Every structure is written in structure tokens, then in C-alpha cells.
Protein backbone atom coordinates (compact mmCIF):
# COMPACT_ATOMS: atom_id res chain seq x y z
CA MET A 1 118.02 102.12 88.21
CA ASN A 2 115.08 102.65 85.90
CA LEU A 3 112.07 100.72 87.20
CA TYR A 4 111.33 99.57 83.67
CA SER A 5 114.72 97.84 83.50
CA LEU A 6 113.72 95.82 86.55
CA ILE A 7 110.36 95.04 84.95
CA ARG A 8 112.00 93.84 81.74
CA ALA A 9 114.35 91.61 83.71
CA HIS A 10 111.28 89.74 84.96
CA PHE A 11 109.59 89.23 81.60
CA PRO A 12 108.49 85.60 81.12
CA ALA A 13 110.73 83.25 79.15
CA ASP A 14 108.25 83.24 76.27
CA PRO A 15 108.20 86.78 74.83
CA GLU A 16 104.78 86.09 73.27
CA ALA A 17 103.22 85.30 76.64
CA PRO A 18 100.26 87.62 77.29
CA PHE A 19 100.47 90.57 79.65
CA LEU A 20 97.06 92.16 79.05
CA ILE A 21 93.97 90.18 78.14
CA ALA A 22 90.92 92.19 77.06
CA PRO A 23 87.40 91.06 77.98
CA ASP A 24 86.90 89.88 74.38
CA GLY A 25 89.94 87.61 74.70
CA SER A 26 92.37 89.66 72.59
CA GLU A 27 95.86 89.86 74.03
CA LEU A 28 98.84 92.19 74.28
CA SER A 29 102.01 90.13 74.62
CA TYR A 30 105.10 91.07 76.56
CA SER A 31 107.06 91.55 73.34
CA ALA A 32 104.37 93.87 71.98
CA LEU A 33 104.27 95.73 75.30
CA ASP A 34 108.02 96.28 75.12
CA ALA A 35 107.97 97.40 71.48
CA ARG A 36 104.98 99.71 71.81
CA SER A 37 106.08 101.33 75.06
CA GLY A 38 109.54 101.86 73.55
CA ALA A 39 108.04 103.48 70.46
CA LEU A 40 105.93 105.73 72.68
CA ALA A 41 108.94 106.64 74.82
CA ALA A 42 110.77 107.70 71.66
CA ARG A 43 107.74 109.78 70.67
CA LEU A 44 107.74 111.48 74.08
CA ALA A 45 111.41 112.36 73.65
CA ALA A 46 110.73 113.70 70.15
CA LEU A 47 108.04 115.96 71.61
CA GLY A 48 110.59 117.48 73.96
CA VAL A 49 109.97 115.44 77.13
CA GLU A 50 113.23 115.32 79.06
CA PRO A 51 114.29 113.29 82.12
CA GLY A 52 112.55 114.64 85.21
CA ASP A 53 109.73 116.28 83.24
CA ARG A 54 106.17 115.51 84.26
CA VAL A 55 103.84 113.73 81.82
CA ALA A 56 100.22 114.10 82.91
CA ILE A 57 97.48 111.87 81.53
CA GLN A 58 93.72 111.96 81.85
CA ALA A 59 92.19 109.11 79.90
CA GLU A 60 89.62 106.36 80.24
CA LYS A 61 90.96 102.97 81.24
CA ASN A 62 91.80 100.67 78.36
CA VAL A 63 94.71 98.58 77.11
CA GLU A 64 96.34 101.68 75.62
CA GLY A 65 96.15 103.46 78.96
CA LEU A 66 99.06 101.59 80.54
CA LEU A 67 101.47 102.33 77.69
CA PRO A 68 102.06 105.99 78.67
CA TYR A 69 102.96 104.92 82.21
CA LEU A 70 105.65 102.53 81.01
CA ALA A 71 106.81 104.86 78.25
CA THR A 72 107.19 107.71 80.73
CA LEU A 73 109.33 105.50 82.97
CA ARG A 74 111.49 104.53 80.01
CA ALA A 75 111.94 108.17 78.98
CA GLY A 76 113.09 109.04 82.51
CA ALA A 77 110.13 111.33 83.03
CA VAL A 78 107.53 111.41 85.83
CA HIS A 79 104.11 109.81 85.37
CA LEU A 80 101.16 111.86 86.64
CA PRO A 81 97.80 110.09 86.21
CA LEU A 82 94.54 112.02 86.67
CA ASN A 83 91.06 110.72 87.37
CA PRO A 84 88.96 110.83 84.16
CA ALA A 85 86.07 112.15 86.26
CA TYR A 86 87.91 115.36 87.16
CA THR A 87 86.32 118.51 85.78
CA ALA A 88 88.18 121.03 83.67
CA ALA A 89 88.60 123.26 86.73
CA GLU A 90 90.08 120.40 88.75
CA VAL A 91 92.44 119.42 85.94
CA ARG A 92 93.57 123.03 85.68
CA TYR A 93 94.77 122.98 89.29
CA PHE A 94 96.82 119.80 88.79
CA LEU A 95 98.40 121.02 85.56
CA GLU A 96 99.21 124.46 86.93
CA ASP A 97 100.72 122.89 90.04
CA SER A 98 102.79 120.20 88.27
CA GLU A 99 103.64 122.13 85.07
CA PRO A 100 103.94 119.03 82.89
CA ALA A 101 105.93 119.03 79.70
CA LEU A 102 103.11 117.05 78.13
CA PHE A 103 99.44 116.59 78.92
CA ILE A 104 97.81 113.55 77.35
CA GLY A 105 94.12 114.33 77.29
CA ASP A 106 91.47 116.76 76.11
CA PRO A 107 93.19 119.82 74.55
CA GLY A 108 90.42 121.96 76.04
CA ARG A 109 91.75 121.19 79.51
CA SER A 110 95.43 121.79 78.86
CA ALA A 111 96.09 125.07 80.69
CA GLY A 112 99.40 124.74 82.52
CA ALA A 113 100.98 122.17 80.17
CA ARG A 114 103.66 123.03 77.61
CA ARG A 115 102.14 120.66 75.06
CA THR A 116 99.00 118.55 74.71
CA GLU A 117 98.30 115.38 72.75
CA THR A 118 95.35 113.02 72.73
CA LEU A 119 96.13 109.43 73.69
CA ALA A 120 94.86 108.14 70.35
CA ASP A 121 97.03 110.51 68.31
CA LEU A 122 100.05 109.89 70.47
CA THR A 123 99.93 106.10 70.22
CA VAL A 124 99.18 106.12 66.48
CA SER A 125 102.14 108.41 65.80
CA ALA A 126 104.58 106.29 67.83
CA GLU A 127 106.81 104.46 65.36
CA PRO A 128 108.71 101.26 66.28
CA THR A 129 112.26 102.04 67.31
CA GLY A 130 115.08 100.57 69.31
CA PHE A 131 114.63 103.06 72.13
CA GLU A 132 117.34 103.03 74.79
CA ASP A 133 115.84 103.51 78.23
CA VAL A 134 117.04 106.55 80.14
CA GLY A 135 119.02 105.68 83.25
CA ARG A 136 117.60 106.84 86.56
CA ALA A 137 118.91 106.87 90.11
CA PRO A 138 116.86 104.99 92.72
CA ASP A 139 115.88 108.28 94.35
CA ASP A 140 114.72 109.91 91.10
CA LEU A 141 110.99 110.49 90.72
CA ALA A 142 108.95 107.92 88.82
CA ALA A 143 105.48 109.28 89.55
CA ILE A 144 103.46 111.94 91.30
CA LEU A 145 100.09 110.90 92.67
CA TYR A 146 97.81 113.58 94.06
CA THR A 147 95.96 112.89 97.28
CA SER A 148 92.18 113.02 97.31
CA GLY A 149 92.18 116.48 98.89
CA THR A 150 89.12 116.15 101.10
CA THR A 151 90.60 118.78 103.40
CA GLY A 152 92.43 121.61 101.66
CA ARG A 153 94.43 121.45 98.44
CA SER A 154 95.43 118.12 96.96
CA LYS A 155 99.08 117.32 97.58
CA GLY A 156 101.31 115.58 95.04
CA ALA A 157 103.06 112.60 96.63
CA MET A 158 106.48 112.17 95.02
CA LEU A 159 107.22 108.48 94.43
CA THR A 160 110.65 107.31 93.34
CA HIS A 161 111.79 104.39 91.22
CA ALA A 162 113.06 102.73 94.42
CA ASN A 163 109.72 103.31 96.21
CA LEU A 164 107.76 101.52 93.49
CA ALA A 165 110.32 98.78 92.88
CA SER A 166 110.75 97.84 96.52
CA ASN A 167 107.02 97.67 97.18
CA ALA A 168 106.26 95.61 94.07
CA GLU A 169 109.01 93.11 94.87
CA THR A 170 107.82 92.81 98.47
CA LEU A 171 104.19 92.24 97.47
CA ARG A 172 105.09 89.74 94.76
CA GLU A 173 106.78 87.59 97.39
CA ALA A 174 104.23 88.21 100.14
CA TRP A 175 101.26 87.30 97.94
CA ARG A 176 103.07 84.54 95.96
CA PHE A 177 102.56 85.97 92.49
CA THR A 178 104.17 84.02 89.62
CA ALA A 179 104.08 83.87 85.82
CA ARG A 180 101.16 81.43 86.10
CA ASP A 181 98.88 84.09 87.60
CA ARG A 182 96.00 85.76 85.78
CA LEU A 183 94.87 88.78 87.77
CA LEU A 184 91.32 89.99 87.23
CA HIS A 185 91.79 93.78 87.07
CA ALA A 186 88.71 96.00 87.40
CA LEU A 187 90.36 98.87 89.28
CA PRO A 188 91.12 102.35 87.90
CA ILE A 189 94.69 103.03 86.81
CA PHE A 190 95.02 106.59 88.12
CA HIS A 191 95.35 105.29 91.69
CA THR A 192 98.11 103.39 93.52
CA HIS A 193 95.95 100.26 93.95
CA GLY A 194 95.18 99.60 90.29
CA LEU A 195 98.31 101.12 88.81
CA PHE A 196 101.22 100.33 91.09
CA VAL A 197 100.02 97.43 93.22
CA ALA A 198 98.18 95.44 90.57
CA SER A 199 100.22 96.32 87.49
CA ASN A 200 103.71 96.41 88.94
CA VAL A 201 103.26 93.20 90.92
CA THR A 202 101.97 91.39 87.84
CA LEU A 203 104.83 92.72 85.71
CA LEU A 204 107.47 91.68 88.21
CA ALA A 205 105.91 88.21 88.31
CA GLY A 206 105.72 87.89 84.53
CA GLY A 207 102.01 87.14 84.84
CA ALA A 208 98.97 88.50 83.02
CA MET A 209 96.02 90.75 83.78
CA ILE A 210 92.48 90.29 82.53
CA PHE A 211 91.89 93.99 82.00
CA LEU A 212 88.37 95.35 82.44
CA PRO A 213 87.64 99.02 81.66
CA ALA A 214 85.66 99.29 84.91
CA PHE A 215 83.89 97.16 87.50
CA ASP A 216 81.01 95.38 85.77
CA LEU A 217 79.42 92.67 87.91
CA ASP A 218 78.24 90.57 84.97
CA GLU A 219 81.69 90.68 83.40
CA ILE A 220 83.36 89.89 86.71
CA LEU A 221 81.26 86.76 87.16
CA ARG A 222 81.87 85.74 83.54
CA LEU A 223 85.64 86.15 83.75
CA LEU A 224 86.36 84.89 87.27
CA PRO A 225 86.80 81.26 86.10
CA ARG A 226 89.68 82.43 83.87
CA ALA A 227 91.52 84.13 86.72
CA THR A 228 93.75 83.01 89.58
CA ALA A 229 93.70 86.24 91.58
CA MET A 230 91.64 89.37 92.07
CA MET A 231 92.30 92.73 93.71
CA GLY A 232 89.38 94.95 94.62
CA VAL A 233 87.77 97.42 96.96
CA PRO A 234 85.17 96.28 99.52
CA THR A 235 82.23 97.26 97.33
CA PHE A 236 83.42 94.80 94.67
CA TYR A 237 83.08 91.95 97.15
CA SER A 238 79.77 93.01 98.67
CA ARG A 239 78.28 93.32 95.18
CA MET A 240 79.57 89.90 94.19
CA LEU A 241 77.86 88.45 97.26
CA SER A 242 74.56 89.95 96.10
CA ARG A 243 74.42 87.45 93.20
CA PRO A 244 73.19 83.88 93.80
CA GLY A 245 75.47 82.76 90.97
CA PHE A 246 78.54 83.77 92.94
CA THR A 247 79.42 80.35 94.32
CA ARG A 248 82.31 78.30 95.61
CA GLU A 249 82.45 76.48 92.27
CA LEU A 250 82.75 79.74 90.31
CA VAL A 251 85.92 80.75 92.17
CA SER A 252 87.51 77.32 92.51
CA HIS A 253 90.48 78.50 90.35
CA ILE A 254 91.18 81.57 92.46
CA ARG A 255 94.05 81.36 94.91
CA ILE A 256 93.79 84.88 96.41
CA PHE A 257 91.33 87.76 96.79
CA VAL A 258 92.89 91.03 97.99
CA SER A 259 90.93 93.98 99.36
CA GLY A 260 92.04 97.51 100.12
CA SER A 261 91.58 101.26 99.58
CA ALA A 262 88.71 101.29 102.11
CA PRO A 263 87.81 99.28 105.23
CA LEU A 264 86.32 95.83 104.65
CA SER A 265 83.51 95.08 107.07
CA ALA A 266 83.85 92.00 109.25
CA GLU A 267 80.40 90.92 108.06
CA THR A 268 81.49 90.94 104.40
CA HIS A 269 84.67 89.07 105.33
CA ARG A 270 82.67 86.40 107.18
CA GLU A 271 79.96 86.01 104.52
CA PHE A 272 82.54 85.83 101.72
CA GLU A 273 84.46 83.05 103.45
CA GLU A 274 81.27 81.11 104.16
CA ARG A 275 80.14 81.40 100.56
CA THR A 276 83.44 80.70 98.79
CA GLY A 277 85.88 79.16 101.25
CA HIS A 278 88.21 82.12 100.65
CA ALA A 279 89.28 84.49 103.42
CA ILE A 280 89.78 87.86 101.75
CA LEU A 281 93.31 89.18 102.32
CA GLU A 282 93.02 92.75 103.58
CA ARG A 283 96.00 95.08 103.49
CA TYR A 284 96.75 98.72 104.30
CA GLY A 285 98.31 101.31 102.06
CA MET A 286 98.29 104.99 101.20
CA THR A 287 98.98 107.20 98.21
CA GLU A 288 102.16 108.39 99.95
CA THR A 289 103.49 104.97 100.91
CA ASN A 290 102.03 102.30 98.65
CA MET A 291 101.47 99.20 100.82
CA ASN A 292 102.47 99.10 104.50
CA THR A 293 100.89 96.02 106.07
CA SER A 294 99.15 92.86 104.93
CA ASN A 295 97.33 89.93 106.39
CA PRO A 296 99.47 86.85 105.70
CA TYR A 297 99.19 84.63 102.67
CA ASP A 298 99.84 81.66 104.94
CA GLY A 299 98.32 82.12 108.36
CA PRO A 300 95.23 83.71 109.88
CA ARG A 301 93.58 86.49 107.87
CA VAL A 302 91.78 88.23 110.67
CA ALA A 303 88.64 90.23 109.89
CA GLY A 304 88.89 93.81 111.06
CA THR A 305 92.67 93.91 110.82
CA VAL A 306 95.14 94.81 108.08
CA GLY A 307 97.81 92.41 109.29
CA PRO A 308 101.39 92.96 110.44
CA PRO A 309 103.90 95.25 108.71
CA LEU A 310 105.31 94.05 105.40
CA PRO A 311 109.00 93.03 105.36
CA GLY A 312 111.24 96.10 105.51
CA VAL A 313 108.44 98.39 106.75
CA ASP A 314 108.43 99.77 110.30
CA ILE A 315 105.14 100.70 111.94
CA ARG A 316 104.75 102.49 115.24
CA ILE A 317 101.77 103.92 117.10
CA ALA A 318 102.41 107.36 118.56
CA ASP A 319 100.68 110.05 120.58
CA PRO A 320 100.20 113.56 119.11
CA ALA A 321 103.64 114.58 120.35
CA GLY A 322 105.26 111.64 118.54
CA ALA A 323 106.01 109.45 121.57
CA GLU A 324 105.59 105.74 120.90
CA LEU A 325 102.65 104.11 122.68
CA ALA A 326 102.43 100.66 124.22
CA GLN A 327 100.88 97.71 122.42
CA GLY A 328 97.12 97.95 122.42
CA GLU A 329 97.00 101.72 122.87
CA VAL A 330 95.30 103.79 120.17
CA GLY A 331 97.33 106.48 118.46
CA VAL A 332 98.49 107.79 115.10
CA ILE A 333 100.04 105.22 112.77
CA GLN A 334 103.52 106.20 111.63
CA ILE A 335 105.42 104.45 108.83
CA ARG A 336 109.04 104.17 107.80
CA GLY A 337 110.51 102.14 104.97
CA PRO A 338 111.70 102.09 101.34
CA ASN A 339 108.05 102.40 100.24
CA VAL A 340 107.53 105.89 101.71
CA CYS A 341 107.48 108.83 99.29
CA LYS A 342 110.04 111.65 99.23
CA GLY A 343 107.44 114.21 100.24
CA TYR A 344 104.93 116.49 98.57
CA TRP A 345 105.55 118.22 95.26
CA ARG A 346 106.47 121.86 95.79
CA MET A 347 105.14 121.81 99.35
CA PRO A 348 108.21 121.80 101.62
CA ASP A 349 106.19 122.95 104.63
CA LYS A 350 103.65 120.12 104.21
CA THR A 351 106.51 117.67 103.73
CA ALA A 352 108.18 118.82 106.94
CA GLU A 353 104.88 118.46 108.84
CA ALA A 354 104.39 114.93 107.54
CA PHE A 355 107.70 113.45 108.71
CA ARG A 356 109.28 112.96 112.11
CA ASP A 357 112.98 113.68 112.51
CA ASP A 358 113.77 109.95 112.48
CA GLY A 359 112.09 109.44 109.09
CA PHE A 360 108.70 108.16 110.17
CA PHE A 361 105.80 109.36 108.03
CA ILE A 362 102.73 110.53 109.96
CA SER A 363 99.84 108.76 108.25
CA GLY A 364 96.90 110.56 109.82
CA ASP A 365 95.29 107.16 110.40
CA MET A 366 94.58 106.07 113.95
CA GLY A 367 94.97 102.51 115.13
CA PHE A 368 96.70 100.09 117.43
CA VAL A 369 98.68 96.86 117.29
CA ASP A 370 96.93 93.88 118.84
CA GLU A 371 98.45 91.01 120.81
CA ALA A 372 99.13 89.06 117.60
CA GLY A 373 101.07 91.95 116.08
CA TYR A 374 98.29 92.82 113.62
CA VAL A 375 97.48 96.46 112.95
CA ARG A 376 93.88 97.51 113.55
CA ILE A 377 92.73 100.84 112.10
CA VAL A 378 90.06 102.75 114.00
CA GLY A 379 89.69 105.69 111.61
CA ARG A 380 91.30 108.84 110.33
CA GLU A 381 92.60 111.28 112.92
CA LYS A 382 90.39 113.97 111.39
CA ASP A 383 87.36 111.63 111.72
CA LEU A 384 87.83 111.12 115.46
CA VAL A 385 84.67 112.18 117.31
CA ILE A 386 85.17 113.97 120.62
CA THR A 387 81.86 114.02 122.46
CA GLY A 388 81.65 115.45 125.95
CA GLY A 389 85.44 115.29 126.14
CA LEU A 390 85.54 111.57 125.36
CA ASN A 391 87.10 110.01 122.24
CA VAL A 392 84.90 107.88 119.99
CA TYR A 393 86.60 105.92 117.20
CA PRO A 394 84.19 105.54 114.25
CA ALA A 395 85.46 102.10 113.21
CA GLU A 396 84.43 100.57 116.54
CA VAL A 397 80.90 101.95 116.32
CA GLU A 398 80.60 101.03 112.63
CA ALA A 399 81.60 97.44 113.37
CA ALA A 400 79.00 97.18 116.13
CA ILE A 401 76.25 98.49 113.88
CA GLU A 402 77.25 96.31 110.92
CA ALA A 403 77.04 93.27 113.20
CA ILE A 404 73.29 93.89 113.64
CA PRO A 405 71.28 91.56 111.38
CA GLY A 406 69.88 93.45 108.42
CA VAL A 407 72.54 96.17 108.28
CA THR A 408 74.69 96.14 105.15
CA GLU A 409 77.03 99.02 105.87
CA CYS A 410 77.43 102.01 108.13
CA ALA A 411 79.43 105.21 108.42
CA VAL A 412 79.85 107.07 111.71
CA ILE A 413 80.60 110.79 111.92
CA GLY A 414 80.63 113.60 114.44
CA VAL A 415 78.56 116.75 113.91
CA PRO A 416 78.04 119.87 116.05
CA HIS A 417 76.04 119.29 119.25
CA PRO A 418 74.91 122.07 121.59
CA ASP A 419 75.80 120.20 124.80
CA PHE A 420 78.54 117.75 123.90
CA GLY A 421 80.52 119.73 121.33
CA GLU A 422 80.12 116.85 118.87
CA GLY A 423 77.38 114.27 118.72
CA VAL A 424 77.84 110.79 117.27
CA VAL A 425 75.74 110.23 114.15
CA ALA A 426 75.44 106.96 112.23
CA VAL A 427 74.37 106.67 108.59
CA ALA A 428 73.45 103.10 107.65
CA ILE A 429 72.21 101.03 104.72
CA ALA A 430 69.69 98.23 105.32
CA ARG A 431 69.72 94.96 103.43
CA PRO A 432 66.89 94.58 100.89
CA GLY A 433 63.82 93.30 102.71
CA ALA A 434 65.16 94.03 106.19
CA VAL A 435 62.78 95.80 108.56
CA LEU A 436 64.88 98.28 110.51
CA ASP A 437 64.41 101.67 112.06
CA GLU A 438 66.47 104.10 114.09
CA GLY A 439 65.04 103.00 117.42
CA SER A 440 65.59 99.28 116.95
CA ILE A 441 69.20 99.71 115.86
CA LEU A 442 70.06 102.09 118.69
CA ALA A 443 68.41 99.75 121.19
CA ALA A 444 70.48 96.84 119.90
CA LEU A 445 73.69 98.78 120.65
CA ALA A 446 72.90 99.15 124.34
CA GLU A 447 74.56 95.82 125.14
CA THR A 448 77.65 96.29 122.96
CA LEU A 449 78.73 99.93 123.31
CA ALA A 450 79.21 102.31 126.21
CA SER A 451 76.55 105.01 126.26
CA TYR A 452 78.89 107.80 125.13
CA LYS A 453 79.89 105.79 122.04
CA ARG A 454 76.34 105.07 120.95
CA PRO A 455 74.98 107.31 118.18
CA LYS A 456 72.55 109.95 119.31
CA ARG A 457 70.98 109.83 115.87
CA LEU A 458 70.92 107.17 113.15
CA PHE A 459 69.77 107.73 109.59
CA LEU A 460 68.91 104.99 107.08
CA VAL A 461 69.89 105.77 103.49
CA ASP A 462 69.97 103.94 100.16
CA ALA A 463 73.66 104.62 99.49
CA LEU A 464 76.74 106.25 100.99
CA PRO A 465 78.74 108.86 99.03
CA ARG A 466 82.01 107.39 97.77
CA ASN A 467 85.07 108.48 95.86
CA ALA A 468 86.43 106.62 92.84
CA MET A 469 88.17 104.03 95.02
CA GLY A 470 85.08 103.20 97.06
CA LYS A 471 86.02 105.16 100.17
CA VAL A 472 83.08 106.69 101.98
CA GLN A 473 83.31 110.48 101.77
CA LYS A 474 82.67 111.40 105.37
CA ASN A 475 83.21 115.08 104.68
CA ARG A 476 80.08 115.00 102.53
CA LEU A 477 78.15 113.18 105.25
CA ARG A 478 79.24 115.75 107.82
CA GLU A 479 77.93 118.49 105.53
CA GLU A 480 74.64 116.70 104.87
CA PHE A 481 73.89 115.93 108.54
CA ALA A 482 75.46 119.02 110.10
CA GLY A 483 72.08 120.11 111.39
CA ALA A 484 71.14 116.80 113.03
CA PHE A 485 71.19 118.36 116.51
CA ALA A 486 69.99 121.85 115.61
CA GLY A 487 67.25 122.87 118.02
CA PRO A 488 66.70 121.64 121.57
CA ALA A 489 69.60 119.79 123.21
CA ASP A 490 69.46 116.04 122.72
């Protein structure tokens, strides 16, 4: 079962229907997509790429950038996308670890690959051919995605054809995607959100994507009236709200806004719905699992939750020993289903640590299931703050601070404290024109949070450090504010 065979089976009836629409209005049709990806697959085979080989790519996002993904699937090889922002040293690690048969990128960064080609040369040299797709078993690898590696070495999550196919089919049905949809796509394509969720769902619906090279607020506002759907990270939506021209009328064609890859604040959710009439649909996924839960298409989309499990996905909340906890109790989120990866590339010990004996994957995220069956995430297990022997979940404190008028966003961390082991520290961004200071914000929390949960220090900053998908990099904040309690005990 080659995933591409499933994709082709869902092509629209009109082979000239567009799949990719560039910002200038030029189009790549489904027939052209099929012909060009087939020609590129034949070129990969001619270069010595065999079934099961890895094909790594580091390239800027453009219309050409999706062709190697589909061509690699068709050749029976394994797609390995790399962030264009990675340095030569970072790329060297990924190539030495994965040992790709082919690296598509800068030849100066090719250590560890058997062969290197630039994307431009590779696509130009691909001649039209009647390429016959290589058959694959459902459990064969389709892609390796490396985790962000904020603690220790990045791990390569091994995703199979069945993993990607099952998740795309589930999301297409859950979010009601059809051939009539035009998805506004401003996400990167080296990450599961922009590559597998957005692209695969659109392909299996026979729809089209308006394909932006990156998030550009002016372009987003210009192109929104041509779209029916949008997927983004929370910063996309908060930036859209910063423009007076972002109105209910502008998005009257849109049927769904999806948010993920980082927590969406309840304040952004509320303001967005008030401004547009749309409740953003928040969902929960991981590099290792694709999507796990989703707020419903029909039914309440509850701010601060990521909804119930998707069909076919089991979620349980467990204590550190793996015992399942009762509803409402906070623990580690564990996931089982056809979406969950096979494990980590060449890391059998890490794979064994990540799975329970009954097949549940240990996410490292902490949360609970509320009375409505919706999953609520309270933070990463490694971000839990233990102060004076008491657990503080950053998401709860962040929500309380973001509810204070004038606060745009907040990140809560724990740093060394001479008395309490760890002290709670908040790092917040004020809205333009808001008059806020540390004392006023901390005073406002006295009525909403127990004393041990309240930050002992709060810092106002202009911006929070983020990775390419908009996630706040709390490891960098912990480094920056590590000395917040140095000196006399607070």
C-alpha cells in the first residue's frame, strides 16, 4: 500500500483541477502534479535511490518543494525533510544519523549522504515518464521526522505509510474537507503540521492549497477571501487580530480555522470568535503521532482544550508508573492508535522507553480529561515546576496571567530557588499601550491562584523565543532567567 496510490485514488474528477495555487495566481494541476512527481521519482531511481533508502531535503518552501515528498513516496523511499534554518553543523548530524542515499540541498552541507543534488537541478533533469509506483507494505516507512531536540539529541520518528494514510483519512472526515476546499497554506513543509496534516488532507479530499512561501500578514489578508479553510499556529491568529482590516466580512467564505503546534490562549480564542464569528478549532498532535485529538467540527469548540480523541485513537492519563488515573486527575498523556510511529530511527533504547507494553506511546505531555471528555493539556512533563514540594502546572498559571487585561501572552517556567528548590517565574508580553508592571500583575493573581502557584518574579519582555512552529522555547527562558533568585532568599 503506497500512500501515493491512495492519494491518486482521490484525485478530483477533472484532472486539470488545481492542487497548488501560487500567490500570483499561477496553478499546478493534479495532472501536472502526477506527471512531474512521476518524472522526479524516475530520476531518483536513476540516481540509485532504492526502496527503503532515505531521501533528505533542505530547501526553501515553494511549489517545487512538495514534489520531492511525493516522488520519494512513489519511489518507495523515505522522505526526510529538514528545516531550511538549520546550520551546516546541524545538518551534518541529521545526515550522519540517517545516512540518506540522496541529499537534496546545498552540496557544501552533504557530509553523510551518498549523493547530493540541488532541488533546481533535480527537477530540471527529471524527464516525463510513465513511472510505475513502487509497492509498499502498510508498515513500511514513508518518512522520518526529527524531533526538535530541546533536551538531548534529536530523535528520528519513523512514520509508516499506514500512519500517514490513516491520520489523513480521519482528519479529512473529522474536518469535512472536500474537493471544493481551498486551504490557505502558510506553514513550513518540514514539519508534520504543514506537510502531513495540511498537504495529505487536501490531497485526499481532492482540494487545493493556496501556497504561500511563509507567513506574510499582508498576503494572508489579501488571499483570505479566496480560501475556505486555514491551518495555522497561534501566532498567525494573534497577528491577524492586530489588524483593523481583519473583519467578519473578510472571512465570510471561510468554513474552518484550525490551530495547533503550540497552545492557543483562551483570550485569543475569545477575541477571534468575537471579531469573526468563527471559533478556532484547536487540536493536539505530535511529531511521533500526527494528530491525536480535535475539538469537534460540529459541537462546542472549547477554549483551553484540544477536544476528545479522534476516531480510532485511544488516550489515557497515567501516573509515572503507567497506572491509569481517574477522570479529572492530572498525569502523563499516553496515546495508542494507527497514527503512532514505529519508534525512533536507530534508537532502540529510546523506542523501548517511549512505549508501554500494551502499545501506548508516552507523550511527555501532562493533562487530564474533563467531564465532557475533552483533553486539557497543562504542559510538558519536563516543564512541570515543583516548588516547595508542590506541583505547579505552567498552563494554569499562564491562563490566569493572560486573562489579565493588557497581557498578550505569557510563559511560565521554574528556575533554581534557594529555599523552594524551584521558584515560579513568569515572562509576559504587554499589549501596545497597556500600562503594566510586575507588582500590578502579581497582585491581580492573588484572587485567582493559590499562593504557591503564583510567580515569585514576573518579567515583561517584547517577545518570547520561539521555534519554527511558533512554540515558545522554554529551555531558552530557563537559561536566560536562571539567576532570577540568586542572592537573598525570596
